[in-house]
Amino acid sequence: MPSPAPIPAASSDAPSVLVIRPESSRSLGLVADLWAFRDLLWSLADRDLRLRYRQTVLGVAWVVLQPVLGALIFTFVFGVVAGLESDGAPYFLFTFASLAGWGLFAGILSRASGSLVQNSPLIAKVWFPRAVLPASTVPAALLDFAVALIVLVGLMLWQGIAPTPTMLLMPLWVLGIVTLALGLGLVGAALMVSYRDVQHILPVATQLLLYASPVAYAVANVPARYRSLYYLNPLAPLLEGLRASLLGTPMPPANTIAWAAVVSLGAFVLGAFVFRRLERRFADVI
């Protein structure tokens, strides 16, 4: 009876084990992730732009129609019916500039919050820094804002209002709005993966915030005794400053600008922290 063959000892020709470790940039935080995967970010942003207006009759014209129609309604309701002040600027241009800034904020917040759920098949199959998805909504929102800004400048020139040197400050207000919206969007995106109620709460909260912000009216219309409380909303000085840069209306107080900058930066830091804390669970929960 033949004896059993000996078990061969492990040789140096055995297949090696590949251990995948995160790159060093992963330890640098969310911003480093976005920079390292910037090509993917731009690809996703380009995809969203192409899909948004596909099979639409008016196409990119929707970018202009939304603030135009909104400005017309706000001008009639708040300027004609209510008779509110507009800081000396034509009411239509006043509300159009406000809606351009508000559209930038609301567009980033809503699209970033739903970006993970909308791309759940991609998250479940492929690894990449998940923060790329919320951040990829920013270029499209900035492009919409740029188109609205071009229309606004054309309307200003048509009405004989020349741009002033304060327009050079506009990028600072835009940066504050984008930072605040993206920070809140990161929190919304991280929470929406586990709690789908967020997608129902967010539109209602955004609508309420619209009327609690100086979009259809100037801060000067707020009673003086409530103005300090009103300025706790960081969008108030940001939108007021954006309008001042474009139309030459009064600038917000310096202390409210500092408050808005601190809150916007804090919202982004908080959003990055919450997002990175919950990121490992996304593929399992979504």
C-alpha atoms as a PDB file:
ATOM      1  CA  MET A   1       0.000   0.000   0.000  1.00  0.00           C
ATOM      2  CA  PRO A   2       1.595   3.262  -1.076  1.00  0.00           C
ATOM      3  CA  SER A   3       2.300   5.781   1.636  1.00  0.00           C
ATOM      4  CA  PRO A   4       0.663   9.244   1.336  1.00  0.00           C
ATOM      5  CA  ALA A   5       2.655  11.834  -0.538  1.00  0.00           C
ATOM      6  CA  PRO A   6       4.359  14.377   1.706  1.00  0.00           C
ATOM      7  CA  ILE A   7       2.901  17.836   1.835  1.00  0.00           C
ATOM      8  CA  PRO A   8       5.231  20.186  -0.036  1.00  0.00           C
ATOM      9  CA  ALA A   9       6.752  22.917   2.068  1.00  0.00           C
ATOM     10  CA  ALA A  10       6.016  26.510   1.232  1.00  0.00           C
ATOM     11  CA  SER A  11       8.430  27.787  -1.342  1.00  0.00           C
ATOM     12  CA  SER A  12       9.583  31.221  -2.282  1.00  0.00           C
ATOM     13  CA  ASP A  13       7.501  30.897  -5.481  1.00  0.00           C
ATOM     14  CA  ALA A  14       4.210  31.185  -3.539  1.00  0.00           C
ATOM     15  CA  PRO A  15       2.052  34.148  -4.569  1.00  0.00           C
ATOM     16  CA  SER A  16       2.683  37.277  -2.542  1.00  0.00           C
ATOM     17  CA  VAL A  17       0.002  39.115  -0.654  1.00  0.00           C
ATOM     18  CA  LEU A  18      -0.783  42.654  -1.838  1.00  0.00           C
ATOM     19  CA  VAL A  19      -1.670  45.017   0.962  1.00  0.00           C
ATOM     20  CA  ILE A  20      -3.438  48.212  -0.127  1.00  0.00           C
ATOM     21  CA  ARG A  21      -2.916  51.138   2.207  1.00  0.00           C
ATOM     22  CA  PRO A  22      -4.335  54.645   1.920  1.00  0.00           C
ATOM     23  CA  GLU A  23      -2.116  57.195   0.281  1.00  0.00           C
ATOM     24  CA  SER A  24      -0.385  59.758   2.412  1.00  0.00           C
ATOM     25  CA  SER A  25      -2.724  62.442   1.080  1.00  0.00           C
ATOM     26  CA  ARG A  26      -5.636  60.695   2.807  1.00  0.00           C
ATOM     27  CA  SER A  27      -4.195  61.710   6.146  1.00  0.00           C
ATOM     28  CA  LEU A  28      -4.229  65.368   5.121  1.00  0.00           C
ATOM     29  CA  GLY A  29      -8.016  65.660   5.135  1.00  0.00           C
ATOM     30  CA  LEU A  30     -10.898  66.206   2.806  1.00  0.00           C
ATOM     31  CA  VAL A  31      -9.356  69.091   0.863  1.00  0.00           C
ATOM     32  CA  ALA A  32      -6.316  66.960   0.002  1.00  0.00           C
ATOM     33  CA  ASP A  33      -8.657  64.205  -1.220  1.00  0.00           C
ATOM     34  CA  LEU A  34     -10.436  66.625  -3.519  1.00  0.00           C
ATOM     35  CA  TRP A  35      -7.154  67.897  -4.928  1.00  0.00           C
ATOM     36  CA  ALA A  36      -5.743  64.391  -5.444  1.00  0.00           C
ATOM     37  CA  PHE A  37      -8.909  63.310  -7.293  1.00  0.00           C
ATOM     38  CA  ARG A  38      -9.586  66.600  -9.085  1.00  0.00           C
ATOM     39  CA  ASP A  39      -9.765  64.885 -12.483  1.00  0.00           C
ATOM     40  CA  LEU A  40     -12.626  62.707 -11.254  1.00  0.00           C
ATOM     41  CA  LEU A  41     -14.302  65.750  -9.728  1.00  0.00           C
ATOM     42  CA  TRP A  42     -14.267  67.613 -13.039  1.00  0.00           C
ATOM     43  CA  SER A  43     -15.484  64.527 -14.912  1.00  0.00           C
ATOM     44  CA  LEU A  44     -18.459  64.171 -12.574  1.00  0.00           C
ATOM     45  CA  ALA A  45     -19.218  67.881 -12.821  1.00  0.00           C
ATOM     46  CA  ASP A  46     -19.134  67.695 -16.626  1.00  0.00           C
ATOM     47  CA  ARG A  47     -21.465  64.681 -16.539  1.00  0.00           C
ATOM     48  CA  ASP A  48     -23.959  66.499 -14.336  1.00  0.00           C
ATOM     49  CA  LEU A  49     -23.945  69.533 -16.622  1.00  0.00           C
ATOM     50  CA  ARG A  50     -24.613  67.408 -19.681  1.00  0.00           C
ATOM     51  CA  LEU A  51     -27.390  65.405 -18.041  1.00  0.00           C
ATOM     52  CA  ARG A  52     -29.185  68.331 -16.440  1.00  0.00           C
ATOM     53  CA  TYR A  53     -30.401  69.957 -19.650  1.00  0.00           C
ATOM     54  CA  ARG A  54     -30.587  66.888 -21.866  1.00  0.00           C
ATOM     55  CA  GLN A  55     -33.992  66.434 -23.537  1.00  0.00           C
ATOM     56  CA  THR A  56     -35.201  69.849 -22.365  1.00  0.00           C
ATOM     57  CA  VAL A  57     -36.815  72.286 -24.766  1.00  0.00           C
ATOM     58  CA  LEU A  58     -35.281  75.459 -23.342  1.00  0.00           C
ATOM     59  CA  GLY A  59     -31.966  73.922 -22.270  1.00  0.00           C
ATOM     60  CA  VAL A  60     -29.567  76.365 -20.597  1.00  0.00           C
ATOM     61  CA  ALA A  61     -32.228  79.106 -20.839  1.00  0.00           C
ATOM     62  CA  TRP A  62     -33.617  77.714 -17.585  1.00  0.00           C
ATOM     63  CA  VAL A  63     -30.576  79.194 -15.836  1.00  0.00           C
ATOM     64  CA  VAL A  64     -31.783  82.671 -16.816  1.00  0.00           C
ATOM     65  CA  LEU A  65     -35.532  82.091 -16.607  1.00  0.00           C
ATOM     66  CA  GLN A  66     -35.546  80.998 -12.972  1.00  0.00           C
ATOM     67  CA  PRO A  67     -34.040  84.192 -11.498  1.00  0.00           C
ATOM     68  CA  VAL A  68     -35.897  86.390 -14.001  1.00  0.00           C
ATOM     69  CA  LEU A  69     -39.305  84.950 -13.122  1.00  0.00           C
ATOM     70  CA  GLY A  70     -38.480  84.957  -9.418  1.00  0.00           C
ATOM     71  CA  ALA A  71     -37.325  88.583  -9.599  1.00  0.00           C
ATOM     72  CA  LEU A  72     -40.522  89.602 -11.387  1.00  0.00           C
ATOM     73  CA  ILE A  73     -42.699  87.970  -8.716  1.00  0.00           C
ATOM     74  CA  PHE A  74     -40.689  89.391  -5.822  1.00  0.00           C
ATOM     75  CA  THR A  75     -40.701  92.845  -7.421  1.00  0.00           C
ATOM     76  CA  PHE A  76     -44.496  92.818  -7.684  1.00  0.00           C
ATOM     77  CA  VAL A  77     -45.188  91.331  -4.235  1.00  0.00           C
ATOM     78  CA  PHE A  78     -42.571  93.115  -2.138  1.00  0.00           C
ATOM     79  CA  GLY A  79     -41.824  96.196  -4.248  1.00  0.00           C
ATOM     80  CA  VAL A  80     -45.263  97.095  -5.612  1.00  0.00           C
ATOM     81  CA  VAL A  81     -47.739  95.568  -3.176  1.00  0.00           C
ATOM     82  CA  ALA A  82     -45.773  95.812   0.076  1.00  0.00           C
ATOM     83  CA  GLY A  83     -43.799  98.893  -0.974  1.00  0.00           C
ATOM     84  CA  LEU A  84     -40.546  97.826   0.689  1.00  0.00           C
ATOM     85  CA  GLU A  85     -37.275  99.662   0.130  1.00  0.00           C
ATOM     86  CA  SER A  86     -34.506  98.303  -2.085  1.00  0.00           C
ATOM     87  CA  ASP A  87     -31.548 100.406  -0.851  1.00  0.00           C
ATOM     88  CA  GLY A  88     -31.962 102.821  -3.739  1.00  0.00           C
ATOM     89  CA  ALA A  89     -31.492 100.236  -6.506  1.00  0.00           C
ATOM     90  CA  PRO A  90     -34.196  99.298  -9.052  1.00  0.00           C
ATOM     91  CA  TYR A  91     -36.246  96.598  -7.353  1.00  0.00           C
ATOM     92  CA  PHE A  92     -36.007  94.139 -10.235  1.00  0.00           C
ATOM     93  CA  LEU A  93     -32.195  94.352 -10.343  1.00  0.00           C
ATOM     94  CA  PHE A  94     -32.129  94.215  -6.542  1.00  0.00           C
ATOM     95  CA  THR A  95     -34.042  90.939  -6.394  1.00  0.00           C
ATOM     96  CA  PHE A  96     -32.314  89.510  -9.484  1.00  0.00           C
ATOM     97  CA  ALA A  97     -28.882  89.967  -7.868  1.00  0.00           C
ATOM     98  CA  SER A  98     -30.184  88.460  -4.632  1.00  0.00           C
ATOM     99  CA  LEU A  99     -31.666  85.452  -6.411  1.00  0.00           C
ATOM    100  CA  ALA A 100     -28.388  84.856  -8.271  1.00  0.00           C
ATOM    101  CA  GLY A 101     -26.587  84.553  -4.935  1.00  0.00           C
ATOM    102  CA  TRP A 102     -29.395  82.546  -3.373  1.00  0.00           C
ATOM    103  CA  GLY A 103     -29.453  80.180  -6.360  1.00  0.00           C
ATOM    104  CA  LEU A 104     -25.742  79.543  -5.860  1.00  0.00           C
ATOM    105  CA  PHE A 105     -26.284  78.659  -2.200  1.00  0.00           C
ATOM    106  CA  ALA A 106     -29.442  76.586  -2.642  1.00  0.00           C
ATOM    107  CA  GLY A 107     -28.101  74.800  -5.714  1.00  0.00           C
ATOM    108  CA  ILE A 108     -24.964  73.586  -3.963  1.00  0.00           C
ATOM    109  CA  LEU A 109     -26.821  72.672  -0.764  1.00  0.00           C
ATOM    110  CA  SER A 110     -29.584  70.631  -2.425  1.00  0.00           C
ATOM    111  CA  ARG A 111     -27.425  68.872  -5.011  1.00  0.00           C
ATOM    112  CA  ALA A 112     -24.573  68.131  -2.614  1.00  0.00           C
ATOM    113  CA  SER A 113     -26.961  66.707  -0.010  1.00  0.00           C
ATOM    114  CA  GLY A 114     -28.473  64.265  -2.486  1.00  0.00           C
ATOM    115  CA  SER A 115     -25.276  63.410  -4.357  1.00  0.00           C
ATOM    116  CA  LEU A 116     -24.436  60.227  -2.424  1.00  0.00           C
ATOM    117  CA  VAL A 117     -27.918  58.714  -2.615  1.00  0.00           C
ATOM    118  CA  GLN A 118     -28.222  59.534  -6.316  1.00  0.00           C
ATOM    119  CA  ASN A 119     -24.894  57.832  -7.030  1.00  0.00           C
ATOM    120  CA  SER A 120     -25.404  54.824  -4.742  1.00  0.00           C
ATOM    121  CA  PRO A 121     -24.473  52.201  -7.423  1.00  0.00           C
ATOM    122  CA  LEU A 122     -21.162  53.955  -7.963  1.00  0.00           C
ATOM    123  CA  ILE A 123     -20.434  54.075  -4.234  1.00  0.00           C
ATOM    124  CA  ALA A 124     -21.250  50.393  -3.754  1.00  0.00           C
ATOM    125  CA  LYS A 125     -18.916  49.210  -6.538  1.00  0.00           C
ATOM    126  CA  VAL A 126     -15.931  51.556  -6.803  1.00  0.00           C
ATOM    127  CA  TRP A 127     -13.698  53.123  -4.185  1.00  0.00           C
ATOM    128  CA  PHE A 128     -12.844  56.787  -4.358  1.00  0.00           C
ATOM    129  CA  PRO A 129     -13.027  59.624  -1.830  1.00  0.00           C
ATOM    130  CA  ARG A 130     -16.771  60.064  -1.399  1.00  0.00           C
ATOM    131  CA  ALA A 131     -16.388  63.803  -0.855  1.00  0.00           C
ATOM    132  CA  VAL A 132     -15.762  64.135  -4.592  1.00  0.00           C
ATOM    133  CA  LEU A 133     -19.484  63.642  -5.217  1.00  0.00           C
ATOM    134  CA  PRO A 134     -20.766  66.590  -3.127  1.00  0.00           C
ATOM    135  CA  ALA A 135     -17.882  68.784  -4.298  1.00  0.00           C
ATOM    136  CA  SER A 136     -18.622  68.007  -7.957  1.00  0.00           C
ATOM    137  CA  THR A 137     -21.861  69.996  -7.649  1.00  0.00           C
ATOM    138  CA  VAL A 138     -19.972  73.256  -7.063  1.00  0.00           C
ATOM    139  CA  PRO A 139     -18.690  73.882 -10.639  1.00  0.00           C
ATOM    140  CA  ALA A 140     -22.187  73.516 -12.125  1.00  0.00           C
ATOM    141  CA  ALA A 141     -23.652  75.920  -9.558  1.00  0.00           C
ATOM    142  CA  LEU A 142     -20.859  78.418 -10.219  1.00  0.00           C
ATOM    143  CA  LEU A 143     -21.523  78.214 -13.954  1.00  0.00           C
ATOM    144  CA  ASP A 144     -25.224  78.934 -13.366  1.00  0.00           C
ATOM    145  CA  PHE A 145     -24.236  81.898 -11.207  1.00  0.00           C
ATOM    146  CA  ALA A 146     -21.855  83.185 -13.884  1.00  0.00           C
ATOM    147  CA  VAL A 147     -24.588  83.061 -16.544  1.00  0.00           C
ATOM    148  CA  ALA A 148     -27.007  84.928 -14.256  1.00  0.00           C
ATOM    149  CA  LEU A 149     -24.262  87.466 -13.482  1.00  0.00           C
ATOM    150  CA  ILE A 150     -23.685  88.156 -17.185  1.00  0.00           C
ATOM    151  CA  VAL A 151     -27.415  88.782 -17.658  1.00  0.00           C
ATOM    152  CA  LEU A 152     -27.454  91.054 -14.603  1.00  0.00           C
ATOM    153  CA  VAL A 153     -24.539  93.160 -15.871  1.00  0.00           C
ATOM    154  CA  GLY A 154     -26.303  93.477 -19.230  1.00  0.00           C
ATOM    155  CA  LEU A 155     -29.485  94.683 -17.518  1.00  0.00           C
ATOM    156  CA  MET A 156     -27.481  97.151 -15.438  1.00  0.00           C
ATOM    157  CA  LEU A 157     -25.839  98.648 -18.517  1.00  0.00           C
ATOM    158  CA  TRP A 158     -29.207  98.792 -20.263  1.00  0.00           C
ATOM    159  CA  GLN A 159     -30.600 100.851 -17.368  1.00  0.00           C
ATOM    160  CA  GLY A 160     -27.535 103.069 -17.264  1.00  0.00           C
ATOM    161  CA  ILE A 161     -25.995 101.616 -14.095  1.00  0.00           C
ATOM    162  CA  ALA A 162     -22.244 101.241 -14.540  1.00  0.00           C
ATOM    163  CA  PRO A 163     -20.304  98.663 -12.487  1.00  0.00           C
ATOM    164  CA  THR A 164     -18.304 100.149  -9.624  1.00  0.00           C
ATOM    165  CA  PRO A 165     -14.883  99.179  -8.217  1.00  0.00           C
ATOM    166  CA  THR A 166     -16.690  97.361  -5.388  1.00  0.00           C
ATOM    167  CA  MET A 167     -17.380  94.595  -7.887  1.00  0.00           C
ATOM    168  CA  LEU A 168     -13.807  93.449  -7.233  1.00  0.00           C
ATOM    169  CA  LEU A 169     -15.009  92.267  -3.813  1.00  0.00           C
ATOM    170  CA  MET A 170     -17.580  89.937  -5.347  1.00  0.00           C
ATOM    171  CA  PRO A 171     -15.324  86.816  -5.307  1.00  0.00           C
ATOM    172  CA  LEU A 172     -15.084  87.121  -1.510  1.00  0.00           C
ATOM    173  CA  TRP A 173     -18.861  86.961  -1.098  1.00  0.00           C
ATOM    174  CA  VAL A 174     -19.079  84.087  -3.563  1.00  0.00           C
ATOM    175  CA  LEU A 175     -16.376  82.219  -1.640  1.00  0.00           C
ATOM    176  CA  GLY A 176     -18.310  82.684   1.596  1.00  0.00           C
ATOM    177  CA  ILE A 177     -21.558  81.442   0.045  1.00  0.00           C
ATOM    178  CA  VAL A 178     -19.877  78.404  -1.531  1.00  0.00           C
ATOM    179  CA  THR A 179     -18.037  77.514   1.690  1.00  0.00           C
ATOM    180  CA  LEU A 180     -21.219  77.726   3.761  1.00  0.00           C
ATOM    181  CA  ALA A 181     -23.317  75.781   1.258  1.00  0.00           C
ATOM    182  CA  LEU A 182     -20.740  73.032   0.735  1.00  0.00           C
ATOM    183  CA  GLY A 183     -20.207  72.613   4.484  1.00  0.00           C
ATOM    184  CA  LEU A 184     -23.939  72.202   5.081  1.00  0.00           C
ATOM    185  CA  GLY A 185     -24.175  69.992   1.990  1.00  0.00           C
ATOM    186  CA  LEU A 186     -21.528  67.637   3.348  1.00  0.00           C
ATOM    187  CA  VAL A 187     -23.509  67.251   6.560  1.00  0.00           C
ATOM    188  CA  GLY A 188     -26.725  66.701   4.618  1.00  0.00           C
ATOM    189  CA  ALA A 189     -25.108  64.144   2.306  1.00  0.00           C
ATOM    190  CA  ALA A 190     -23.604  62.166   5.194  1.00  0.00           C
ATOM    191  CA  LEU A 191     -26.886  62.096   7.113  1.00  0.00           C
ATOM    192  CA  MET A 192     -29.079  61.330   4.105  1.00  0.00           C
ATOM    193  CA  VAL A 193     -27.289  58.003   3.570  1.00  0.00           C
ATOM    194  CA  SER A 194     -28.719  56.681   6.846  1.00  0.00           C
ATOM    195  CA  TYR A 195     -31.723  58.961   7.325  1.00  0.00           C
ATOM    196  CA  ARG A 196     -33.734  59.491   4.152  1.00  0.00           C
ATOM    197  CA  ASP A 197     -35.962  61.942   6.039  1.00  0.00           C
ATOM    198  CA  VAL A 198     -33.311  64.551   5.269  1.00  0.00           C
ATOM    199  CA  GLN A 199     -34.395  64.668   1.630  1.00  0.00           C
ATOM    200  CA  HIS A 200     -37.908  65.673   2.758  1.00  0.00           C
ATOM    201  CA  ILE A 201     -36.827  68.108   5.472  1.00  0.00           C
ATOM    202  CA  LEU A 202     -34.226  69.932   3.382  1.00  0.00           C
ATOM    203  CA  PRO A 203     -36.587  71.553   0.796  1.00  0.00           C
ATOM    204  CA  VAL A 204     -38.851  72.849   3.567  1.00  0.00           C
ATOM    205  CA  ALA A 205     -35.915  74.210   5.570  1.00  0.00           C
ATOM    206  CA  THR A 206     -34.456  75.836   2.451  1.00  0.00           C
ATOM    207  CA  GLN A 207     -37.770  77.508   1.632  1.00  0.00           C
ATOM    208  CA  LEU A 208     -38.044  78.904   5.162  1.00  0.00           C
ATOM    209  CA  LEU A 209     -34.449  80.135   5.000  1.00  0.00           C
ATOM    210  CA  LEU A 210     -35.245  81.964   1.753  1.00  0.00           C
ATOM    211  CA  TYR A 211     -37.733  84.223   3.525  1.00  0.00           C
ATOM    212  CA  ALA A 212     -35.441  84.582   6.551  1.00  0.00           C
ATOM    213  CA  SER A 213     -32.695  85.951   4.267  1.00  0.00           C
ATOM    214  CA  PRO A 214     -32.547  89.347   2.504  1.00  0.00           C
ATOM    215  CA  VAL A 215     -33.422  88.026  -0.938  1.00  0.00           C
ATOM    216  CA  ALA A 216     -36.695  89.810  -1.683  1.00  0.00           C
ATOM    217  CA  TYR A 217     -36.129  92.744   0.654  1.00  0.00           C
ATOM    218  CA  ALA A 218     -33.299  94.798   2.122  1.00  0.00           C
ATOM    219  CA  VAL A 219     -32.037  94.381   5.673  1.00  0.00           C
ATOM    220  CA  ALA A 220     -33.007  98.030   6.216  1.00  0.00           C
ATOM    221  CA  ASN A 221     -36.651  96.917   6.210  1.00  0.00           C
ATOM    222  CA  VAL A 222     -36.045  94.768   9.307  1.00  0.00           C
ATOM    223  CA  PRO A 223     -36.928  96.680  12.509  1.00  0.00           C
ATOM    224  CA  ALA A 224     -33.788  97.911  14.264  1.00  0.00           C
ATOM    225  CA  ARG A 225     -34.553  96.028  17.488  1.00  0.00           C
ATOM    226  CA  TYR A 226     -34.537  92.710  15.594  1.00  0.00           C
ATOM    227  CA  ARG A 227     -31.620  93.433  13.292  1.00  0.00           C
ATOM    228  CA  SER A 228     -28.906  91.958  15.517  1.00  0.00           C
ATOM    229  CA  LEU A 229     -30.876  88.737  15.776  1.00  0.00           C
ATOM    230  CA  TYR A 230     -31.500  88.778  12.034  1.00  0.00           C
ATOM    231  CA  TYR A 231     -27.790  89.045  11.279  1.00  0.00           C
ATOM    232  CA  LEU A 232     -27.187  85.742  13.069  1.00  0.00           C
ATOM    233  CA  ASN A 233     -28.179  84.243   9.731  1.00  0.00           C
ATOM    234  CA  PRO A 234     -24.781  84.216   7.930  1.00  0.00           C
ATOM    235  CA  LEU A 235     -26.505  84.511   4.563  1.00  0.00           C
ATOM    236  CA  ALA A 236     -27.766  87.974   5.488  1.00  0.00           C
ATOM    237  CA  PRO A 237     -24.380  89.772   5.309  1.00  0.00           C
ATOM    238  CA  LEU A 238     -23.177  87.547   2.465  1.00  0.00           C
ATOM    239  CA  LEU A 239     -26.138  88.342   0.209  1.00  0.00           C
ATOM    240  CA  GLU A 240     -26.154  91.988   1.268  1.00  0.00           C
ATOM    241  CA  GLY A 241     -22.444  92.255   0.500  1.00  0.00           C
ATOM    242  CA  LEU A 242     -22.884  90.557  -2.875  1.00  0.00           C
ATOM    243  CA  ARG A 243     -25.623  93.034  -3.755  1.00  0.00           C
ATOM    244  CA  ALA A 244     -23.478  95.941  -2.600  1.00  0.00           C
ATOM    245  CA  SER A 245     -20.608  94.808  -4.829  1.00  0.00           C
ATOM    246  CA  LEU A 246     -22.870  94.534  -7.867  1.00  0.00           C
ATOM    247  CA  LEU A 247     -25.308  97.428  -7.443  1.00  0.00           C
ATOM    248  CA  GLY A 248     -23.494  99.819  -5.131  1.00  0.00           C
ATOM    249  CA  THR A 249     -25.991  99.451  -2.286  1.00  0.00           C
ATOM    250  CA  PRO A 250     -24.775  99.901   1.338  1.00  0.00           C
ATOM    251  CA  MET A 251     -22.295  97.337   2.633  1.00  0.00           C
ATOM    252  CA  PRO A 252     -23.215  95.258   5.702  1.00  0.00           C
ATOM    253  CA  PRO A 253     -21.572  96.161   9.033  1.00  0.00           C
ATOM    254  CA  ALA A 254     -18.020  94.873   9.496  1.00  0.00           C
ATOM    255  CA  ASN A 255     -18.882  92.786  12.559  1.00  0.00           C
ATOM    256  CA  THR A 256     -21.587  90.916  10.632  1.00  0.00           C
ATOM    257  CA  ILE A 257     -19.113  90.194   7.827  1.00  0.00           C
ATOM    258  CA  ALA A 258     -16.676  88.727  10.341  1.00  0.00           C
ATOM    259  CA  TRP A 259     -19.487  86.637  11.848  1.00  0.00           C
ATOM    260  CA  ALA A 260     -20.489  85.300   8.431  1.00  0.00           C
ATOM    261  CA  ALA A 261     -16.869  84.380   7.643  1.00  0.00           C
ATOM    262  CA  VAL A 262     -16.464  82.501  10.938  1.00  0.00           C
ATOM    263  CA  VAL A 263     -19.773  80.641  10.540  1.00  0.00           C
ATOM    264  CA  SER A 264     -19.055  79.724   6.905  1.00  0.00           C
ATOM    265  CA  LEU A 265     -15.618  78.363   7.731  1.00  0.00           C
ATOM    266  CA  GLY A 266     -16.983  76.592  10.800  1.00  0.00           C
ATOM    267  CA  ALA A 267     -19.752  74.997   8.735  1.00  0.00           C
ATOM    268  CA  PHE A 268     -17.191  73.664   6.270  1.00  0.00           C
ATOM    269  CA  VAL A 269     -14.950  72.269   9.019  1.00  0.00           C
ATOM    270  CA  LEU A 270     -17.945  70.659  10.720  1.00  0.00           C
ATOM    271  CA  GLY A 271     -19.155  69.236   7.411  1.00  0.00           C
ATOM    272  CA  ALA A 272     -15.733  67.774   6.639  1.00  0.00           C
ATOM    273  CA  PHE A 273     -15.505  66.239  10.107  1.00  0.00           C
ATOM    274  CA  VAL A 274     -18.971  64.656  10.014  1.00  0.00           C
ATOM    275  CA  PHE A 275     -18.454  63.418   6.459  1.00  0.00           C
ATOM    276  CA  ARG A 276     -15.094  61.793   7.161  1.00  0.00           C
ATOM    277  CA  ARG A 277     -16.411  60.285  10.392  1.00  0.00           C
ATOM    278  CA  LEU A 278     -19.288  58.524   8.591  1.00  0.00           C
ATOM    279  CA  GLU A 279     -17.564  57.887   5.252  1.00  0.00           C
ATOM    280  CA  ARG A 280     -16.582  54.259   5.949  1.00  0.00           C
ATOM    281  CA  ARG A 281     -20.210  53.273   6.481  1.00  0.00           C
ATOM    282  CA  PHE A 282     -21.552  54.692   3.215  1.00  0.00           C
ATOM    283  CA  ALA A 283     -21.010  51.626   1.018  1.00  0.00           C
ATOM    284  CA  ASP A 284     -22.615  49.306   3.588  1.00  0.00           C
ATOM    285  CA  VAL A 285     -25.602  51.463   4.472  1.00  0.00           C
ATOM    286  CA  ILE A 286     -26.519  53.085   1.191  1.00  0.00           C
END
